[in-house]
Amino acid sequence: MTRFFFHIIAENTFLDDEGTNFKDDQEAMLHARQLAMEMVRSLGTIKGAIVVENEDSGGLFEVPLSWSN
């Protein structure tokens, strides 16, 4: 298991200093997408992204907090 950190970079920045363990990058990506969908559902479209990094290799990918239909 690898620890992944999900930082929210938007108008206000929230850094995840605890992280969550996942089996691999794909599970972490699914989690980040779910977080983004929940945030957009509850707050509406936000300019920003969830930046995901892991404890071993650092930054991996970003999931936008807005998208077009």
N, C-alpha and C. Protein backbone atom coordinates (compact mmCIF):
# COMPACT_ATOMS: atom_id res chain seq x y z
N MET A 1 0.85 -1.19 0.00
CA MET A 1 0.00 0.00 0.00
C MET A 1 0.89 1.25 0.00
N THR A 2 0.43 2.21 -0.74
CA THR A 2 1.14 3.48 -0.83
C THR A 2 0.23 4.58 -0.30
N ARG A 3 0.82 5.55 0.39
CA ARG A 3 0.04 6.68 0.90
C ARG A 3 0.00 7.77 -0.17
N PHE A 4 -1.23 8.23 -0.47
CA PHE A 4 -1.46 9.28 -1.44
C PHE A 4 -2.03 10.50 -0.73
N PHE A 5 -1.65 11.67 -1.22
CA PHE A 5 -2.10 12.93 -0.65
C PHE A 5 -2.93 13.66 -1.70
N PHE A 6 -4.07 14.21 -1.26
CA PHE A 6 -5.03 14.85 -2.15
C PHE A 6 -5.14 16.33 -1.76
N HIS A 7 -4.35 17.16 -2.44
CA HIS A 7 -4.31 18.59 -2.14
C HIS A 7 -5.35 19.32 -3.00
N ILE A 8 -6.11 20.19 -2.39
CA ILE A 8 -7.09 20.98 -3.13
C ILE A 8 -6.46 22.35 -3.39
N ILE A 9 -6.25 22.63 -4.67
CA ILE A 9 -5.64 23.88 -5.08
C ILE A 9 -6.72 24.68 -5.83
N ALA A 10 -7.25 25.69 -5.18
CA ALA A 10 -8.31 26.52 -5.74
C ALA A 10 -8.16 27.92 -5.15
N GLU A 11 -9.27 28.66 -5.08
CA GLU A 11 -9.21 29.99 -4.48
C GLU A 11 -8.57 29.91 -3.09
N ASN A 12 -8.96 28.91 -2.35
CA ASN A 12 -8.31 28.58 -1.07
C ASN A 12 -7.61 27.25 -1.26
N THR A 13 -6.42 27.11 -0.72
CA THR A 13 -5.65 25.89 -0.87
C THR A 13 -5.70 25.10 0.42
N PHE A 14 -5.98 23.81 0.28
CA PHE A 14 -6.00 22.91 1.42
C PHE A 14 -5.04 21.77 1.15
N LEU A 15 -4.00 21.67 1.97
CA LEU A 15 -3.02 20.61 1.79
C LEU A 15 -3.36 19.43 2.68
N ASP A 16 -3.35 18.26 2.09
CA ASP A 16 -3.64 17.01 2.80
C ASP A 16 -2.34 16.54 3.45
N ASP A 17 -2.25 16.69 4.76
CA ASP A 17 -1.02 16.28 5.44
C ASP A 17 -1.13 14.88 6.05
N GLU A 18 -2.31 14.24 5.96
CA GLU A 18 -2.48 12.89 6.48
C GLU A 18 -2.35 11.84 5.39
N GLY A 19 -3.00 12.06 4.26
CA GLY A 19 -2.97 11.10 3.17
C GLY A 19 -3.86 9.90 3.44
N THR A 20 -4.00 9.07 2.41
CA THR A 20 -4.81 7.86 2.47
C THR A 20 -4.08 6.76 1.72
N ASN A 21 -4.12 5.56 2.24
CA ASN A 21 -3.46 4.42 1.59
C ASN A 21 -4.33 3.83 0.50
N PHE A 22 -3.71 3.58 -0.66
CA PHE A 22 -4.36 2.90 -1.77
C PHE A 22 -3.39 1.89 -2.36
N LYS A 23 -3.96 0.90 -3.04
CA LYS A 23 -3.17 -0.18 -3.63
C LYS A 23 -2.27 0.34 -4.75
N ASP A 24 -2.81 1.27 -5.57
CA ASP A 24 -2.04 1.75 -6.72
C ASP A 24 -2.56 3.11 -7.18
N ASP A 25 -1.89 3.63 -8.23
CA ASP A 25 -2.25 4.94 -8.78
C ASP A 25 -3.68 4.98 -9.30
N GLN A 26 -4.15 3.88 -9.87
CA GLN A 26 -5.50 3.84 -10.43
C GLN A 26 -6.56 4.01 -9.35
N GLU A 27 -6.38 3.36 -8.21
CA GLU A 27 -7.34 3.53 -7.11
C GLU A 27 -7.32 4.96 -6.60
N ALA A 28 -6.13 5.55 -6.53
CA ALA A 28 -6.01 6.94 -6.08
C ALA A 28 -6.70 7.89 -7.06
N MET A 29 -6.57 7.62 -8.36
CA MET A 29 -7.22 8.45 -9.37
C MET A 29 -8.74 8.36 -9.24
N LEU A 30 -9.27 7.17 -9.04
CA LEU A 30 -10.71 7.01 -8.85
C LEU A 30 -11.19 7.79 -7.64
N HIS A 31 -10.43 7.73 -6.55
CA HIS A 31 -10.78 8.46 -5.34
C HIS A 31 -10.78 9.97 -5.61
N ALA A 32 -9.77 10.46 -6.31
CA ALA A 32 -9.68 11.89 -6.61
C ALA A 32 -10.86 12.33 -7.47
N ARG A 33 -11.26 11.51 -8.43
CA ARG A 33 -12.41 11.85 -9.28
C ARG A 33 -13.69 11.89 -8.46
N GLN A 34 -13.84 10.94 -7.53
CA GLN A 34 -15.03 10.95 -6.66
C GLN A 34 -15.06 12.20 -5.80
N LEU A 35 -13.91 12.57 -5.23
CA LEU A 35 -13.84 13.79 -4.43
C LEU A 35 -14.23 15.01 -5.26
N ALA A 36 -13.71 15.09 -6.48
CA ALA A 36 -14.01 16.23 -7.35
C ALA A 36 -15.50 16.29 -7.66
N MET A 37 -16.11 15.14 -7.99
CA MET A 37 -17.55 15.13 -8.29
C MET A 37 -18.37 15.56 -7.08
N GLU A 38 -18.00 15.09 -5.89
CA GLU A 38 -18.72 15.49 -4.67
C GLU A 38 -18.60 16.98 -4.41
N MET A 39 -17.40 17.53 -4.62
CA MET A 39 -17.19 18.96 -4.40
C MET A 39 -18.02 19.78 -5.38
N VAL A 40 -18.03 19.39 -6.65
CA VAL A 40 -18.79 20.13 -7.66
C VAL A 40 -20.28 20.02 -7.38
N ARG A 41 -20.74 18.85 -6.95
CA ARG A 41 -22.16 18.68 -6.61
C ARG A 41 -22.57 19.59 -5.47
N SER A 42 -21.72 19.69 -4.45
CA SER A 42 -22.11 20.47 -3.28
C SER A 42 -21.79 21.96 -3.40
N LEU A 43 -20.74 22.32 -4.14
CA LEU A 43 -20.32 23.72 -4.20
C LEU A 43 -20.51 24.36 -5.56
N GLY A 44 -20.77 23.56 -6.58
CA GLY A 44 -20.82 24.08 -7.94
C GLY A 44 -19.42 24.07 -8.54
N THR A 45 -19.33 24.56 -9.76
CA THR A 45 -18.05 24.57 -10.45
C THR A 45 -17.07 25.49 -9.74
N ILE A 46 -15.86 25.02 -9.57
CA ILE A 46 -14.81 25.76 -8.87
C ILE A 46 -13.60 25.82 -9.79
N LYS A 47 -12.94 26.95 -9.86
CA LYS A 47 -11.67 27.02 -10.58
C LYS A 47 -10.61 26.40 -9.69
N GLY A 48 -10.02 25.32 -10.14
CA GLY A 48 -8.98 24.68 -9.36
C GLY A 48 -8.89 23.21 -9.68
N ALA A 49 -8.15 22.49 -8.85
CA ALA A 49 -7.95 21.07 -9.09
C ALA A 49 -7.58 20.37 -7.79
N ILE A 50 -7.73 19.06 -7.82
CA ILE A 50 -7.19 18.21 -6.76
C ILE A 50 -5.87 17.68 -7.31
N VAL A 51 -4.80 18.01 -6.63
CA VAL A 51 -3.47 17.56 -7.04
C VAL A 51 -3.12 16.35 -6.17
N VAL A 52 -2.80 15.24 -6.83
CA VAL A 52 -2.53 14.00 -6.12
C VAL A 52 -1.04 13.70 -6.19
N GLU A 53 -0.48 13.36 -5.05
CA GLU A 53 0.92 12.93 -5.02
C GLU A 53 1.02 11.72 -4.10
N ASN A 54 2.08 10.95 -4.29
CA ASN A 54 2.28 9.84 -3.37
C ASN A 54 3.57 10.04 -2.60
N GLU A 55 3.70 9.30 -1.52
CA GLU A 55 4.82 9.50 -0.62
C GLU A 55 6.15 9.10 -1.25
N ASP A 56 6.12 8.28 -2.29
CA ASP A 56 7.35 7.79 -2.90
C ASP A 56 7.85 8.66 -4.04
N SER A 57 6.94 9.06 -4.94
CA SER A 57 7.41 9.74 -6.15
C SER A 57 6.92 11.18 -6.30
N GLY A 58 6.18 11.69 -5.35
CA GLY A 58 5.71 13.06 -5.43
C GLY A 58 4.49 13.21 -6.31
N GLY A 59 4.40 14.33 -7.04
CA GLY A 59 3.23 14.66 -7.85
C GLY A 59 2.96 13.64 -8.95
N LEU A 60 1.70 13.26 -9.08
CA LEU A 60 1.31 12.28 -10.08
C LEU A 60 0.37 12.84 -11.12
N PHE A 61 -0.74 13.46 -10.66
CA PHE A 61 -1.75 13.95 -11.59
C PHE A 61 -2.65 14.96 -10.91
N GLU A 62 -3.45 15.64 -11.76
CA GLU A 62 -4.42 16.62 -11.28
C GLU A 62 -5.80 16.24 -11.81
N VAL A 63 -6.82 16.46 -10.98
CA VAL A 63 -8.21 16.26 -11.39
C VAL A 63 -8.88 17.63 -11.28
N PRO A 64 -9.37 18.19 -12.41
CA PRO A 64 -10.00 19.51 -12.36
C PRO A 64 -11.30 19.49 -11.54
N LEU A 65 -11.60 20.64 -10.96
CA LEU A 65 -12.83 20.79 -10.19
C LEU A 65 -13.93 21.43 -11.04
N SER A 66 -13.74 21.43 -12.34
CA SER A 66 -14.78 21.89 -13.26
C SER A 66 -14.60 21.14 -14.57
N TRP A 67 -15.68 20.98 -15.28
CA TRP A 67 -15.62 20.34 -16.59
C TRP A 67 -16.82 20.78 -17.38
N SER A 68 -16.75 20.61 -18.70
CA SER A 68 -17.89 20.96 -19.54
C SER A 68 -18.68 19.72 -19.89
N ASN A 69 -19.99 19.90 -20.03
CA ASN A 69 -20.87 18.79 -20.36
C ASN A 69 -20.83 18.51 -21.84
